[in-house]
N, C-alpha and C. Protein backbone atom coordinates (compact mmCIF):
# COMPACT_ATOMS: atom_id res chain seq x y z
N MET A 1 0.84 -1.81 -0.38
CA MET A 1 0.05 0.18 -0.03
C MET A 1 0.87 1.41 0.30
N ALA A 2 1.07 2.18 -0.62
CA ALA A 2 2.00 3.63 -1.38
C ALA A 2 1.50 4.22 -0.05
N GLY A 3 2.59 5.09 0.58
CA GLY A 3 1.75 5.72 1.35
C GLY A 3 1.84 5.68 3.12
N LEU A 4 1.46 4.08 2.58
CA LEU A 4 1.00 3.54 4.37
C LEU A 4 2.68 4.30 5.19
N GLN A 5 2.46 4.63 6.26
CA GLN A 5 4.06 4.73 7.50
C GLN A 5 4.13 3.92 8.38
N ILE A 6 4.32 3.01 8.66
CA ILE A 6 4.48 2.15 10.15
C ILE A 6 5.30 3.00 11.06
N SER A 7 6.34 3.43 10.79
CA SER A 7 7.11 4.20 11.63
C SER A 7 7.80 5.51 11.05
N ASP A 8 8.10 6.09 12.17
CA ASP A 8 9.27 7.24 12.07
C ASP A 8 10.23 6.63 12.23
N ALA A 9 11.32 6.42 11.38
CA ALA A 9 12.49 5.70 11.37
C ALA A 9 13.45 6.82 12.61
N ARG A 10 14.25 6.82 13.00
CA ARG A 10 15.38 7.69 13.86
C ARG A 10 16.77 6.61 13.08
N ILE A 11 17.70 7.85 13.08
CA ILE A 11 19.18 7.54 12.61
C ILE A 11 20.22 7.56 13.53
N VAL A 12 21.04 7.02 13.85
CA VAL A 12 21.96 6.93 14.80
C VAL A 12 23.49 7.01 14.02
N ASN A 13 24.01 7.67 13.87
CA ASN A 13 25.18 7.64 13.17
C ASN A 13 26.55 8.13 13.63
N ILE A 14 27.89 7.20 13.76
CA ILE A 14 28.94 7.33 14.80
C ILE A 14 30.21 7.20 13.43
N VAL A 15 30.92 8.62 12.96
CA VAL A 15 32.14 8.69 12.38
C VAL A 15 33.58 8.45 13.56
N ASN A 16 34.32 7.11 12.55
CA ASN A 16 35.72 7.39 13.91
C ASN A 16 36.79 8.69 13.35
N ARG A 17 37.23 9.34 14.12
CA ARG A 17 37.70 10.14 13.70
C ARG A 17 38.77 10.27 14.91
N VAL A 18 39.33 9.11 14.82
CA VAL A 18 40.32 8.86 15.77
C VAL A 18 41.64 9.06 14.97
N SER A 19 42.92 9.03 14.99
CA SER A 19 44.16 9.13 14.00
C SER A 19 44.47 7.67 13.17
N SER A 20 44.65 7.90 12.18
CA SER A 20 44.54 6.62 10.66
C SER A 20 45.11 5.36 11.07
N LYS A 21 46.01 5.11 12.30
CA LYS A 21 46.55 3.89 12.59
C LYS A 21 46.09 3.27 13.72
N LYS A 22 45.21 3.72 14.42
CA LYS A 22 44.44 2.98 15.18
C LYS A 22 42.27 2.08 15.02
N ILE A 23 42.81 1.58 15.70
CA ILE A 23 41.72 0.64 15.15
C ILE A 23 40.39 0.79 16.47
N LEU A 24 39.08 1.82 16.24
CA LEU A 24 38.17 2.17 16.90
C LEU A 24 37.19 0.93 16.83
N ILE A 25 37.05 0.40 17.91
CA ILE A 25 35.46 -0.38 19.02
C ILE A 25 34.83 0.02 19.06
N VAL A 26 33.12 -0.26 18.13
CA VAL A 26 32.18 0.25 18.63
C VAL A 26 31.19 -0.61 19.20
N HIS A 27 30.41 -0.91 19.68
CA HIS A 27 29.15 -1.67 19.99
C HIS A 27 28.24 -1.34 21.02
N CYS A 28 27.04 -1.33 20.76
CA CYS A 28 25.98 -1.11 20.54
C CYS A 28 24.48 -1.39 20.60
N GLN A 29 24.04 -1.32 21.50
CA GLN A 29 22.57 -1.84 21.53
C GLN A 29 21.73 -2.05 22.33
N SER A 30 20.65 -2.06 21.83
CA SER A 30 19.16 -1.84 22.96
C SER A 30 18.74 -3.17 23.51
N LYS A 31 17.15 -2.81 25.00
CA LYS A 31 17.15 -3.76 25.35
C LYS A 31 17.11 -5.53 24.92
N ASP A 32 16.38 -4.34 23.51
CA ASP A 32 15.74 -6.08 22.46
C ASP A 32 16.96 -6.03 21.47
N ASP A 33 17.88 -5.22 20.51
CA ASP A 33 18.86 -5.20 19.67
C ASP A 33 20.15 -5.19 19.92
N ASP A 34 21.30 -6.25 19.68
CA ASP A 34 22.51 -6.10 19.77
C ASP A 34 23.11 -6.18 18.71
N LEU A 35 23.66 -4.75 18.31
CA LEU A 35 24.42 -4.33 17.10
C LEU A 35 25.37 -4.93 16.75
N SER A 36 26.02 -6.05 17.94
CA SER A 36 27.91 -6.48 18.07
C SER A 36 28.70 -5.39 17.61
N ALA A 37 29.75 -5.92 17.49
CA ALA A 37 30.99 -4.81 18.00
C ALA A 37 31.31 -4.63 16.46
N ARG A 38 31.80 -3.46 16.22
CA ARG A 38 32.17 -3.25 14.65
C ARG A 38 33.65 -2.02 14.92
N ALA A 39 35.10 -3.35 14.00
CA ALA A 39 36.27 -2.74 14.29
C ALA A 39 36.09 -1.43 13.04
N MET A 40 36.59 -0.36 13.63
CA MET A 40 36.46 1.09 12.45
C MET A 40 37.38 1.55 11.79
N ASN A 41 37.89 1.86 11.30
CA ASN A 41 39.02 2.70 10.42
C ASN A 41 38.55 3.76 10.53
N TYR A 42 39.39 4.61 10.42
CA TYR A 42 39.68 6.47 10.26
C TYR A 42 38.48 6.49 8.76
N GLY A 43 37.95 7.46 9.67
CA GLY A 43 36.87 8.13 8.42
C GLY A 43 35.46 7.11 8.48
N GLU A 44 35.46 5.93 8.85
CA GLU A 44 34.83 5.19 8.39
C GLU A 44 32.92 5.52 9.87
N SER A 45 32.14 5.29 9.34
CA SER A 45 30.72 5.94 9.69
C SER A 45 30.52 4.34 9.47
N TYR A 46 30.05 4.41 10.99
CA TYR A 46 28.52 3.62 11.90
C TYR A 46 27.23 4.07 11.80
N SER A 47 25.97 3.81 11.09
CA SER A 47 24.79 4.14 11.61
C SER A 47 24.08 3.08 11.08
N TRP A 48 23.10 3.14 12.16
CA TRP A 48 21.56 2.15 12.18
C TRP A 48 20.29 3.25 11.70
N SER A 49 19.61 2.49 11.80
CA SER A 49 18.02 2.95 12.09
C SER A 49 16.76 1.94 13.03
N PHE A 50 16.37 2.51 13.53
CA PHE A 50 15.48 1.88 13.46
C PHE A 50 14.10 3.19 13.94
N GLY A 51 12.84 2.50 15.07
CA GLY A 51 11.56 3.17 14.71
C GLY A 51 10.79 2.76 15.62
N ASP A 52 9.35 2.66 15.61
CA ASP A 52 8.52 2.35 16.03
C ASP A 52 8.10 0.55 16.66
N ASN A 53 8.40 -0.06 17.25
CA ASN A 53 8.38 -1.67 17.07
C ASN A 53 6.16 -1.98 16.42
N PHE A 54 6.20 -2.88 16.26
CA PHE A 54 4.71 -3.61 16.02
C PHE A 54 3.48 -2.79 16.90
N TRP A 55 3.94 -3.02 17.82
CA TRP A 55 2.11 -2.50 18.98
C TRP A 55 2.41 -1.06 19.14
N ARG A 56 3.30 -0.13 18.36
CA ARG A 56 3.72 0.96 18.27
C ARG A 56 4.43 1.44 19.29
N ALA A 57 5.38 0.97 19.86
CA ALA A 57 6.07 1.13 21.00
C ALA A 57 7.52 1.47 21.10
N ARG A 58 7.68 2.71 20.91
CA ARG A 58 9.29 3.39 20.61
C ARG A 58 10.37 2.29 21.71
N VAL A 59 11.58 2.50 20.62
CA VAL A 59 12.93 1.68 21.27
C VAL A 59 13.09 3.44 22.15
N GLY A 60 13.20 2.60 23.24
CA GLY A 60 13.66 4.14 24.61
C GLY A 60 15.65 4.57 25.05
N LEU A 61 15.87 3.70 24.40
CA LEU A 61 17.14 3.21 24.60
C LEU A 61 18.65 2.49 23.96
N PHE A 62 19.08 3.47 23.57
CA PHE A 62 20.10 2.69 22.54
C PHE A 62 21.83 3.52 23.37
N TRP A 63 22.38 2.20 23.16
CA TRP A 63 23.96 2.70 24.06
C TRP A 63 25.04 1.92 23.61
N CYS A 64 25.92 2.55 23.31
CA CYS A 64 27.55 1.70 23.00
C CYS A 64 28.67 1.91 23.80
N ARG A 65 29.38 0.52 23.69
CA ARG A 65 30.60 0.63 24.43
C ARG A 65 31.74 1.16 23.39
N LEU A 66 32.73 1.83 23.78
CA LEU A 66 33.48 2.19 22.48
C LEU A 66 35.21 1.49 23.12
N ALA A 67 36.26 1.29 22.47
CA ALA A 67 37.28 0.84 23.50
C ALA A 67 38.35 1.05 22.24
N LEU A 68 39.40 2.05 22.22
CA LEU A 68 40.63 2.16 21.74
C LEU A 68 41.85 2.19 22.82
N GLU A 69 42.57 0.96 21.90
CA GLU A 69 43.62 0.59 22.52
C GLU A 69 43.16 0.00 23.99
N ASP A 70 44.06 1.21 24.61
CA ASP A 70 43.78 0.64 26.86
C ASP A 70 42.89 2.02 26.44
N LYS A 71 41.76 2.27 26.01
CA LYS A 71 40.62 2.98 26.73
C LYS A 71 39.43 2.56 26.67
N ARG A 72 38.66 3.10 27.07
CA ARG A 72 37.72 2.62 27.16
C ARG A 72 35.73 3.85 27.67
N LEU A 73 34.96 3.83 26.87
CA LEU A 73 33.89 4.80 27.26
C LEU A 73 33.10 4.04 26.89
N SER A 74 31.63 4.65 27.71
CA SER A 74 30.54 4.23 27.79
C SER A 74 29.36 4.96 27.50
N PHE A 75 28.60 5.14 27.00
CA PHE A 75 27.45 5.80 26.81
C PHE A 75 25.96 5.82 26.14
N ASP A 76 25.36 6.57 26.86
CA ASP A 76 24.23 6.64 25.62
C ASP A 76 23.70 7.00 24.67
N ALA A 77 23.42 6.45 23.44
CA ALA A 77 23.79 7.57 22.06
C ALA A 77 22.71 7.53 21.45
N PHE A 78 21.52 7.22 22.08
CA PHE A 78 19.90 7.91 21.65
C PHE A 78 19.29 7.44 23.25
N THR A 79 18.57 8.74 23.52
CA THR A 79 17.39 8.02 24.42
C THR A 79 16.18 8.82 23.76
N GLU A 80 15.04 8.31 24.05
CA GLU A 80 13.96 9.07 23.80
C GLU A 80 13.56 10.29 24.31
N GLN A 81 13.90 10.42 25.63
CA GLN A 81 13.90 11.34 26.17
C GLN A 81 14.25 12.97 25.39
N ARG A 82 15.71 13.05 25.48
CA ARG A 82 16.70 13.63 24.98
C ARG A 82 17.00 13.55 23.70
N ASN A 83 16.52 12.97 22.66
CA ASN A 83 16.82 12.68 21.14
C ASN A 83 15.80 12.24 20.59
N GLY A 84 14.44 12.25 20.73
CA GLY A 84 13.79 11.83 20.57
C GLY A 84 12.13 12.72 19.73
N GLY A 85 12.69 14.08 20.12
CA GLY A 85 11.94 15.19 19.84
C GLY A 85 11.94 15.07 18.77
N GLY A 86 11.10 14.39 18.28
CA GLY A 86 11.18 14.86 16.31
C GLY A 86 11.91 15.09 15.73
N TYR A 87 13.13 14.67 15.63
CA TYR A 87 14.21 14.90 15.01
C TYR A 87 15.00 13.34 14.10
N ALA A 88 15.30 13.18 13.10
CA ALA A 88 15.58 12.07 12.67
C ALA A 88 16.93 11.74 13.05
N VAL A 89 17.68 12.65 13.31
CA VAL A 89 19.25 11.60 12.74
C VAL A 89 19.71 12.45 13.93
N THR A 90 21.06 11.52 15.10
CA THR A 90 21.32 12.00 16.01
C THR A 90 23.26 11.65 15.67
N GLY A 91 24.24 12.27 16.07
CA GLY A 91 25.46 12.13 14.62
C GLY A 91 26.48 12.35 16.29
N TYR A 92 27.37 11.63 16.21
CA TYR A 92 28.58 11.73 16.75
C TYR A 92 29.85 11.11 16.38
N ASP A 93 30.57 12.38 17.22
CA ASP A 93 32.31 12.30 16.10
C ASP A 93 33.01 11.73 17.13
N VAL A 94 34.09 10.76 16.84
CA VAL A 94 34.84 10.08 18.12
C VAL A 94 36.46 10.56 17.82
N ASN A 95 37.19 10.96 18.39
CA ASN A 95 38.50 11.22 18.46
C ASN A 95 39.13 10.74 19.75
N GLU A 96 40.36 10.76 19.66
CA GLU A 96 41.19 10.36 20.36
C GLU A 96 40.94 11.40 22.19
N THR A 97 40.43 12.23 22.02
CA THR A 97 39.44 12.88 23.59
C THR A 97 38.59 12.37 23.91
N GLY A 98 37.59 11.71 22.66
CA GLY A 98 36.23 11.23 23.40
C GLY A 98 35.31 11.08 22.27
N VAL A 99 34.09 12.17 22.77
CA VAL A 99 32.83 11.42 21.96
C VAL A 99 32.54 12.81 21.86
N TYR A 100 32.46 13.20 20.31
CA TYR A 100 31.59 14.61 20.16
C TYR A 100 30.44 14.37 19.75
N GLY A 101 29.54 15.45 20.12
CA GLY A 101 27.63 15.50 19.28
C GLY A 101 27.79 17.19 19.67
N PRO A 102 26.82 17.53 18.93
CA PRO A 102 26.23 18.76 18.76
C PRO A 102 25.70 18.76 19.95
N ASP A 103 25.83 20.50 20.26
CA ASP A 103 25.31 21.04 22.22
C ASP A 103 23.93 20.99 22.08
N ASP A 104 22.86 21.00 21.10
CA ASP A 104 21.90 20.52 21.33
C ASP A 104 21.31 19.12 20.72
N CYS A 105 21.10 18.24 21.43
CA CYS A 105 21.09 16.56 20.97
C CYS A 105 20.53 16.54 19.73
N ASN A 106 19.29 17.39 20.25
CA ASN A 106 17.90 18.00 18.55
C ASN A 106 18.38 18.40 17.40
N LYS A 107 19.91 19.13 17.58
CA LYS A 107 20.42 19.07 16.28
C LYS A 107 21.10 18.75 15.48
N TRP A 108 21.07 18.36 14.22
CA TRP A 108 22.30 17.97 13.50
C TRP A 108 23.48 18.91 12.99
N ARG A 109 24.29 18.31 13.95
CA ARG A 109 25.41 19.35 13.70
C ARG A 109 26.35 19.47 11.84
N ARG A 110 26.36 20.55 11.82
CA ARG A 110 26.62 21.21 10.19
C ARG A 110 28.10 20.99 10.23
N SER A 111 29.42 21.59 11.51
CA SER A 111 29.96 21.61 11.67
C SER A 111 31.00 20.43 13.26
N GLU A 112 32.55 21.04 12.61
CA GLU A 112 33.37 20.11 14.08
C GLU A 112 33.07 21.63 14.60
N THR A 113 33.12 22.81 14.74
CA THR A 113 32.87 23.45 15.26
C THR A 113 31.89 23.81 15.92
N GLU A 114 30.80 23.13 16.15
CA GLU A 114 29.21 22.96 16.03
C GLU A 114 29.30 21.87 17.25
N SER A 115 30.43 21.59 17.64
CA SER A 115 29.96 19.91 18.43
C SER A 115 30.59 20.02 19.97
N GLU A 116 30.34 19.57 21.02
CA GLU A 116 31.36 20.03 22.31
C GLU A 116 31.47 18.38 22.21
N LEU A 117 32.44 18.62 23.58
CA LEU A 117 32.81 17.32 23.90
C LEU A 117 31.77 16.40 25.14
N LEU A 118 31.46 15.22 24.62
CA LEU A 118 30.29 14.58 25.31
C LEU A 118 30.78 13.50 26.75
N HIS A 119 31.76 13.15 26.11
CA HIS A 119 32.51 11.88 27.30
C HIS A 119 34.00 11.91 26.81
N GLN A 120 34.22 11.62 27.88
CA GLN A 120 35.86 11.08 27.65
C GLN A 120 36.15 9.59 27.81
N TRP A 121 37.37 9.64 27.14
CA TRP A 121 38.20 7.99 27.27
C TRP A 121 38.02 7.99 28.85
N LYS A 122 38.45 6.58 29.43
CA LYS A 122 39.15 6.19 30.96
C LYS A 122 40.28 5.33 30.19
N GLN A 123 40.92 5.33 30.71
CA GLN A 123 42.42 4.76 30.47
C GLN A 123 42.08 3.30 31.75
N ILE A 124 42.55 2.11 31.04
CA ILE A 124 42.42 1.07 32.02
C ILE A 124 43.60 0.14 32.17
N GLN A 125 44.38 -0.56 33.01
CA GLN A 125 45.26 -1.42 33.00
C GLN A 125 45.09 -2.80 32.42
N LEU A 126 45.94 -2.63 31.16
CA LEU A 126 45.74 -3.96 30.18
C LEU A 126 46.61 -4.63 31.12
N HIS A 127 46.43 -6.39 31.30
CA HIS A 127 47.38 -7.46 32.08
C HIS A 127 48.26 -7.95 30.80
């Protein structure tokens, strides 16, 4: 049936801006969907989309765990309360300092200068 729209798709996009010689590991999931870990090279982008489920209930939370050599970081990539205000795309850049995003999570960033550091890396002990 043309024009039938069952869900309003949301998109989360993560871009690797870490040094070109380092691999970024990204593992994102929600309560119901494990998107599995991905190894990303410099400049690569990882995106996924989602919407209402069959019963019109929204996915309320996607979180991500990131690894970069001996550093780790976890953050909520999408929460309905913060990101669900009618905007379709939430984008993040990851570099050696941490995760950057728009100063307003409901606004798609137009340039590097419009993003702010949202989450910093934590050093871990490797055995």
